[in-house]
N, C-alpha and C. Protein backbone atom coordinates (compact mmCIF):
# COMPACT_ATOMS: atom_id res chain seq x y z
N UNK A 1 101.79 124.70 69.37
CA UNK A 1 101.45 125.87 69.93
C UNK A 1 101.91 125.35 71.63
N UNK A 2 102.56 125.79 71.79
CA UNK A 2 103.60 124.91 73.69
C UNK A 2 102.37 125.41 74.19
N UNK A 3 102.01 125.05 75.35
CA UNK A 3 101.59 126.07 76.35
C UNK A 3 102.19 125.40 77.60
N UNK A 4 102.06 127.11 78.15
CA UNK A 4 103.32 126.62 79.00
C UNK A 4 103.00 126.62 80.45
N UNK A 5 103.23 126.22 81.59
CA UNK A 5 103.02 125.68 82.74
C UNK A 5 103.45 126.66 83.79
N UNK A 6 102.86 127.58 84.59
CA UNK A 6 103.09 128.18 85.15
C UNK A 6 104.11 126.80 86.76
N UNK A 7 105.46 127.89 87.01
CA UNK A 7 105.92 126.77 87.75
C UNK A 7 105.17 127.21 89.17
N UNK A 8 104.04 128.18 89.66
CA UNK A 8 103.05 127.88 90.49
C UNK A 8 102.46 127.24 90.75
N UNK A 9 101.83 126.66 89.02
CA UNK A 9 101.00 125.69 89.21
C UNK A 9 100.70 124.47 90.26
N UNK A 10 99.70 124.35 90.93
CA UNK A 10 99.55 123.04 92.30
C UNK A 10 100.35 121.70 91.86
N UNK A 11 100.17 121.60 89.99
CA UNK A 11 100.29 120.59 90.10
C UNK A 11 102.23 120.03 90.11
N UNK A 12 102.66 120.80 89.89
CA UNK A 12 104.29 121.25 89.75
C UNK A 12 104.57 121.16 91.05
N UNK A 13 103.99 121.96 92.20
CA UNK A 13 103.94 121.52 93.30
C UNK A 13 103.79 120.31 93.84
N UNK A 14 103.10 119.71 93.86
CA UNK A 14 102.61 118.54 94.11
C UNK A 14 103.64 117.05 93.47
N UNK A 15 103.65 117.43 93.03
CA UNK A 15 104.63 116.68 91.94
C UNK A 15 106.34 116.88 92.62
N UNK A 16 106.54 117.87 92.52
CA UNK A 16 108.21 118.18 93.23
C UNK A 16 108.28 118.39 94.85
N UNK A 17 106.99 118.24 95.22
CA UNK A 17 106.57 117.67 97.21
C UNK A 17 107.11 116.34 96.97
N UNK A 18 106.61 115.26 96.17
CA UNK A 18 105.97 114.04 96.53
C UNK A 18 107.77 113.64 95.92
N UNK A 19 108.70 113.93 94.69
CA UNK A 19 109.84 113.83 94.72
C UNK A 19 110.39 114.22 95.56
N UNK A 20 110.34 115.18 96.04
CA UNK A 20 111.55 115.50 97.51
C UNK A 20 111.62 114.23 98.61
N UNK A 21 110.02 114.09 98.57
CA UNK A 21 109.96 113.44 100.05
C UNK A 21 110.15 111.43 99.31
N UNK A 22 109.99 111.63 98.06
CA UNK A 22 111.00 110.28 97.44
C UNK A 22 111.85 109.82 97.65
N UNK A 23 112.65 110.84 97.33
CA UNK A 23 114.71 110.99 97.53
C UNK A 23 114.91 111.53 98.63
N UNK A 24 114.29 112.14 99.48
CA UNK A 24 115.03 112.01 101.61
C UNK A 24 114.13 111.30 102.00
N UNK A 25 113.17 110.52 101.63
CA UNK A 25 112.88 108.82 101.73
C UNK A 25 114.02 108.05 102.12
N UNK A 26 114.60 107.62 100.74
CA UNK A 26 115.48 106.28 100.23
C UNK A 26 117.37 107.36 100.46
N UNK A 27 116.98 108.70 100.20
CA UNK A 27 118.51 109.37 100.93
C UNK A 27 118.56 108.54 102.61
N UNK A 28 117.63 109.35 103.27
CA UNK A 28 117.49 109.44 104.98
C UNK A 28 117.74 107.54 104.95
N UNK A 29 117.03 106.99 104.39
CA UNK A 29 116.90 105.25 105.21
C UNK A 29 118.55 104.58 104.84
N UNK A 30 119.21 105.13 103.46
CA UNK A 30 120.41 104.50 102.86
C UNK A 30 121.13 105.24 104.13
N UNK A 31 121.56 105.81 104.83
CA UNK A 31 122.25 106.70 105.40
C UNK A 31 122.07 106.41 106.74
N UNK A 32 121.22 105.58 107.07
CA UNK A 32 121.24 105.30 108.55
C UNK A 32 120.74 103.61 108.23
N UNK A 33 120.99 102.56 107.12
CA UNK A 33 120.21 101.49 107.09
C UNK A 33 121.20 101.05 105.87
N UNK A 34 122.03 99.71 106.55
CA UNK A 34 123.02 99.23 104.78
C UNK A 34 122.04 98.45 104.95
N UNK A 35 122.42 98.15 103.61
CA UNK A 35 120.81 96.70 102.95
C UNK A 35 121.53 95.10 103.51
N UNK A 36 121.04 94.08 103.35
CA UNK A 36 121.26 93.07 104.19
C UNK A 36 121.97 91.88 103.02
N UNK A 37 121.47 92.98 101.46
CA UNK A 37 122.40 92.05 100.43
C UNK A 37 123.93 92.16 100.81
N UNK A 38 124.65 93.30 100.87
CA UNK A 38 125.74 93.72 100.97
C UNK A 38 126.25 94.30 100.02
N UNK A 39 125.58 94.86 99.05
CA UNK A 39 125.48 94.61 97.35
C UNK A 39 125.34 96.47 97.07
N UNK A 40 125.11 97.08 98.01
CA UNK A 40 124.25 98.60 98.08
C UNK A 40 123.78 98.84 97.54
N UNK A 41 122.88 97.86 97.02
CA UNK A 41 121.82 98.03 96.41
C UNK A 41 120.19 98.36 97.27
N UNK A 42 119.62 99.33 97.58
CA UNK A 42 118.61 99.61 98.13
C UNK A 42 117.60 98.72 98.05
N UNK A 43 116.24 97.82 98.72
CA UNK A 43 115.66 97.85 97.83
C UNK A 43 114.10 98.10 98.73
N UNK A 44 113.62 98.67 97.42
CA UNK A 44 112.68 99.76 97.62
C UNK A 44 111.22 99.17 97.35
N UNK A 45 110.26 99.08 97.99
CA UNK A 45 108.39 98.16 98.12
C UNK A 45 107.91 99.73 97.75
N UNK A 46 107.23 99.07 96.40
CA UNK A 46 106.22 100.38 96.39
C UNK A 46 104.80 100.36 95.98
N UNK A 47 104.01 100.65 96.02
CA UNK A 47 102.73 100.45 95.68
C UNK A 47 101.95 100.72 94.29
N UNK A 48 102.43 101.59 93.47
CA UNK A 48 101.88 101.38 92.54
C UNK A 48 102.81 101.58 90.58
N UNK A 49 102.33 100.90 89.18
CA UNK A 49 103.54 101.39 88.94
C UNK A 49 103.89 102.76 88.42
N UNK A 50 103.43 103.96 88.58
CA UNK A 50 104.31 105.08 88.48
C UNK A 50 104.97 105.76 89.51
N UNK A 51 104.67 105.19 90.47
CA UNK A 51 105.70 105.20 91.55
C UNK A 51 106.83 104.78 91.41
N UNK A 52 107.08 103.36 90.75
CA UNK A 52 107.93 102.43 91.03
C UNK A 52 109.12 102.90 89.48
N UNK A 53 108.56 103.84 88.63
CA UNK A 53 108.91 104.54 87.18
C UNK A 53 109.77 105.37 88.06
N UNK A 54 109.11 106.28 88.68
CA UNK A 54 109.75 107.45 89.61
C UNK A 54 110.69 107.45 90.09
N UNK A 55 110.73 106.11 91.53
CA UNK A 55 112.13 105.41 91.96
C UNK A 55 113.15 105.23 91.21
N UNK A 56 113.01 104.04 90.35
CA UNK A 56 113.65 103.60 88.77
C UNK A 56 114.84 105.13 88.80
N UNK A 57 113.86 105.78 88.42
CA UNK A 57 114.44 106.76 87.75
C UNK A 57 115.66 108.20 88.75
N UNK A 58 114.82 108.14 89.68
CA UNK A 58 115.76 108.73 90.72
C UNK A 58 117.03 107.73 91.34
N UNK A 59 116.49 106.54 91.49
CA UNK A 59 117.75 105.68 92.18
C UNK A 59 118.75 104.74 91.38
N UNK A 60 118.07 105.02 90.09
CA UNK A 60 119.03 104.14 88.93
C UNK A 60 119.54 102.78 89.67
N UNK A 61 120.75 102.55 89.30
CA UNK A 61 121.67 101.56 89.35
C UNK A 61 121.91 100.90 91.27
N UNK A 62 121.40 102.27 92.08
CA UNK A 62 121.03 102.30 93.35
C UNK A 62 120.03 101.51 94.14
N UNK A 63 118.76 101.32 93.48
CA UNK A 63 117.66 100.99 93.65
C UNK A 63 117.24 99.25 93.02
N UNK A 64 116.50 98.65 93.78
CA UNK A 64 116.09 97.59 92.88
C UNK A 64 114.51 97.82 93.26
N UNK A 65 113.58 98.24 92.48
CA UNK A 65 112.39 98.37 92.91
C UNK A 65 111.78 97.21 92.98
N UNK A 66 110.15 97.38 94.27
CA UNK A 66 109.43 96.07 93.72
C UNK A 66 108.15 97.13 93.96
N UNK A 67 106.74 96.38 93.28
CA UNK A 67 105.67 97.06 92.87
C UNK A 67 105.04 96.07 93.19
N UNK A 68 103.86 96.37 94.38
CA UNK A 68 102.66 95.66 95.16
C UNK A 68 102.03 94.99 93.41
N UNK A 69 101.59 96.34 93.14
CA UNK A 69 100.40 96.24 92.48
C UNK A 69 101.48 96.27 90.56
N UNK A 70 100.80 94.73 90.32
CA UNK A 70 101.29 94.86 88.39
C UNK A 70 100.42 96.31 87.78
N UNK A 71 101.22 96.60 86.51
CA UNK A 71 100.68 97.49 85.84
C UNK A 71 99.25 97.06 85.16
N UNK A 72 98.32 95.74 84.91
CA UNK A 72 97.20 95.56 84.29
C UNK A 72 96.40 95.54 85.60
N UNK A 73 96.78 95.68 87.15
CA UNK A 73 95.53 95.02 87.30
C UNK A 73 94.95 96.82 88.33
N UNK A 74 94.53 96.42 89.24
CA UNK A 74 93.17 97.55 89.55
C UNK A 74 93.73 97.74 91.15
N UNK A 75 94.27 99.11 91.49
CA UNK A 75 94.94 99.37 92.71
C UNK A 75 93.54 99.53 93.91
N UNK A 76 92.62 99.51 93.47
CA UNK A 76 91.55 100.09 94.40
C UNK A 76 91.16 98.40 95.43
N UNK A 77 91.26 97.61 93.87
CA UNK A 77 90.53 96.44 94.54
C UNK A 77 92.02 95.07 94.77
N UNK A 78 93.29 95.77 94.90
CA UNK A 78 94.08 94.76 95.00
C UNK A 78 94.28 94.40 96.62
N UNK A 79 94.60 92.59 96.44
CA UNK A 79 94.79 91.70 97.84
C UNK A 79 95.87 91.04 97.58
N UNK A 80 97.22 91.32 98.46
CA UNK A 80 98.68 90.55 98.17
C UNK A 80 98.11 89.00 98.46
N UNK A 81 99.27 88.39 97.78
CA UNK A 81 99.51 87.44 97.78
C UNK A 81 100.62 87.07 99.08
N UNK A 82 100.65 85.96 99.25
CA UNK A 82 101.67 85.58 100.44
C UNK A 82 103.38 85.92 99.91
N UNK A 83 103.27 86.13 99.13
CA UNK A 83 104.87 86.21 98.07
C UNK A 83 104.97 87.11 97.98
N UNK A 84 103.93 88.25 97.56
CA UNK A 84 103.59 89.90 98.00
C UNK A 84 104.30 90.54 98.76
N UNK A 85 103.62 89.87 100.23
CA UNK A 85 103.94 90.37 101.92
C UNK A 85 104.94 89.53 101.86
N UNK A 86 105.70 88.66 101.46
CA UNK A 86 107.26 88.50 102.00
C UNK A 86 108.20 89.29 101.10
N UNK A 87 107.84 89.38 99.89
CA UNK A 87 108.86 90.06 99.35
C UNK A 87 108.59 92.00 99.62
N UNK A 88 107.51 92.43 100.25
CA UNK A 88 107.21 93.53 100.64
C UNK A 88 108.42 93.28 102.20
N UNK A 89 108.21 92.20 103.01
CA UNK A 89 108.73 92.45 104.42
C UNK A 89 110.12 92.12 104.28
N UNK A 90 110.84 92.28 103.03
CA UNK A 90 112.30 91.64 102.74
C UNK A 90 112.93 93.03 101.84
N UNK A 91 111.96 94.31 101.46
CA UNK A 91 112.27 95.44 101.33
C UNK A 91 113.05 96.06 102.35
N UNK A 92 114.02 96.87 101.92
CA UNK A 92 114.62 98.31 103.24
C UNK A 92 113.75 99.25 103.33
N UNK A 93 112.91 99.89 102.13
CA UNK A 93 112.29 100.49 102.46
C UNK A 93 110.62 100.67 101.71
N UNK A 94 109.70 101.10 102.15
CA UNK A 94 108.35 100.80 101.25
C UNK A 94 107.72 102.73 101.39
N UNK A 95 107.52 102.86 100.64
CA UNK A 95 107.17 104.56 99.48
C UNK A 95 105.44 104.28 99.61
N UNK A 96 104.14 104.09 100.62
CA UNK A 96 103.16 103.85 100.45
C UNK A 96 103.11 105.78 100.56
N UNK A 97 101.35 105.62 99.08
CA UNK A 97 100.84 106.95 98.88
C UNK A 97 99.75 107.29 99.01
N UNK A 98 99.00 106.37 99.65
CA UNK A 98 97.42 106.59 100.16
C UNK A 98 96.75 105.98 99.68
N UNK A 99 97.15 104.63 98.65
CA UNK A 99 95.84 103.43 98.36
C UNK A 99 95.28 102.89 99.39
N UNK A 100 94.17 102.76 99.19
CA UNK A 100 92.93 101.97 99.88
C UNK A 100 93.55 100.94 100.48
N UNK A 101 94.25 100.19 99.50
CA UNK A 101 94.93 98.60 100.37
C UNK A 101 95.91 99.30 101.17
N UNK A 102 96.53 100.26 101.18
CA UNK A 102 97.38 100.53 102.64
C UNK A 102 97.07 101.28 103.91
N UNK A 103 95.79 101.24 103.90
CA UNK A 103 94.64 101.29 105.06
C UNK A 103 94.40 99.56 105.43
N UNK A 104 94.27 98.78 104.64
CA UNK A 104 93.67 97.47 105.07
C UNK A 104 94.72 96.79 106.23
N UNK A 105 94.01 96.09 107.18
CA UNK A 105 94.82 95.74 108.52
C UNK A 105 96.33 94.80 108.33
N UNK A 106 96.50 93.77 107.02
CA UNK A 106 97.41 93.58 106.83
C UNK A 106 99.13 94.40 106.76
N UNK A 107 98.62 95.63 106.12
CA UNK A 107 99.52 96.72 105.45
C UNK A 107 99.47 97.84 106.96
N UNK A 108 98.33 97.92 107.32
CA UNK A 108 99.12 98.73 108.99
C UNK A 108 99.65 98.38 109.87
N UNK A 109 99.06 96.81 109.98
CA UNK A 109 99.95 96.09 111.00
C UNK A 109 101.70 95.83 110.97
N UNK A 110 101.97 95.62 109.37
CA UNK A 110 103.15 95.89 108.74
C UNK A 110 103.83 97.26 109.20
N UNK A 111 102.81 98.32 108.77
CA UNK A 111 104.01 99.95 108.42
C UNK A 111 104.11 99.57 109.68
N UNK A 112 103.24 99.42 110.97
CA UNK A 112 103.50 99.82 112.53
C UNK A 112 104.31 99.00 113.23
N UNK A 113 104.86 97.68 112.59
CA UNK A 113 105.46 96.85 112.94
C UNK A 113 107.03 97.35 113.31
N UNK A 114 108.02 98.25 112.46
CA UNK A 114 108.80 98.52 112.64
C UNK A 114 109.50 97.26 112.11
N UNK A 115 109.29 96.72 111.38
CA UNK A 115 109.72 95.40 110.31
C UNK A 115 110.94 96.06 108.88
N UNK A 116 110.46 97.58 108.50
CA UNK A 116 110.78 97.57 107.06
C UNK A 116 110.84 99.41 107.72
N UNK A 117 111.79 100.06 106.97
CA UNK A 117 111.50 101.32 106.99
C UNK A 117 110.05 101.98 106.41
N UNK A 118 109.55 103.29 106.38
CA UNK A 118 107.82 103.28 105.95
C UNK A 118 108.77 105.10 105.51
N UNK A 119 108.47 105.79 104.96
CA UNK A 119 108.65 107.34 104.35
C UNK A 119 107.46 107.22 103.32
N UNK A 120 106.12 107.93 104.20
CA UNK A 120 104.96 108.10 103.57
C UNK A 120 105.13 109.24 102.70
N UNK A 121 104.99 109.41 100.83
CA UNK A 121 105.36 110.01 100.74
C UNK A 121 103.78 110.97 100.02
N UNK A 122 102.65 110.24 101.05
CA UNK A 122 101.03 110.47 100.57
C UNK A 122 101.09 111.90 102.04
N UNK A 123 102.61 112.21 103.08
CA UNK A 123 102.02 113.42 104.09
C UNK A 123 102.32 114.07 103.09
N UNK A 124 103.09 114.35 101.86
CA UNK A 124 103.05 115.40 101.44
C UNK A 124 102.26 116.12 100.61
N UNK A 125 101.40 115.14 99.84
CA UNK A 125 100.63 115.86 98.79
C UNK A 125 99.49 116.00 98.86
N UNK A 126 98.73 116.84 99.38
CA UNK A 126 97.63 117.74 99.77
C UNK A 126 97.88 118.95 98.72
N UNK A 127 96.16 119.83 98.69
CA UNK A 127 96.58 120.64 97.33
C UNK A 127 96.56 121.81 98.29
N UNK A 128 96.69 123.05 97.71
CA UNK A 128 96.48 124.52 98.49
C UNK A 128 95.49 124.56 98.47
N UNK A 129 94.97 125.68 99.73
CA UNK A 129 93.68 126.10 99.00
C UNK A 129 93.39 126.63 98.25
N UNK A 130 92.20 126.96 98.08
CA UNK A 130 91.63 127.74 97.11
C UNK A 130 91.94 127.06 95.50
N UNK A 131 92.74 126.27 95.13
CA UNK A 131 92.94 125.74 93.74
C UNK A 131 92.54 124.78 93.07
N UNK A 132 92.12 124.89 92.17
CA UNK A 132 91.10 124.22 91.58
C UNK A 132 91.83 123.66 90.25
N UNK A 133 91.69 122.18 89.73
CA UNK A 133 92.42 121.86 88.55
C UNK A 133 91.72 122.68 87.14
N UNK A 134 92.56 122.96 86.12
CA UNK A 134 92.27 123.47 85.50
C UNK A 134 91.60 122.93 83.60
C-alpha cells in the first residue's frame, strides 16, 4: 500500500525551498559570471554528497561539481586539506548548507573574501512553526 505525502508537508516545502535556492544560485551566478575555463561549464563546490547529487541532477552537463566532504567521511569532523581549499577557491560558486565546518575561521574568511560567489542554501531551510516530524 502506498502512503501519500501531502503537498503541504514541511519536508516537501523544505526540499522545494532548498532546490529553488540551488537553481536560483546557479542560474544567478551563471548569468553574471562566465567561467574562467571558457567551456561554458559552471564549477560548483558543495559541502556534502547529497547536495552534490542534487546539483549534478539539476545542472547536468553544464556543471562540474566538487564536494568537500567525501561520502565515507563525517562532515562534523571534517578538516580540509590544502588541495581541497585550493579547489574550493577555483570554483565559480560555493553552495554552503550550514554544516559546522562552514563556521570555521578558514571557511568564514573564504566566504567573506568575495573570491567566489556564494549562494547560501541554508537560508531557506527553516521549519514552519508548529510543525513536527511524523
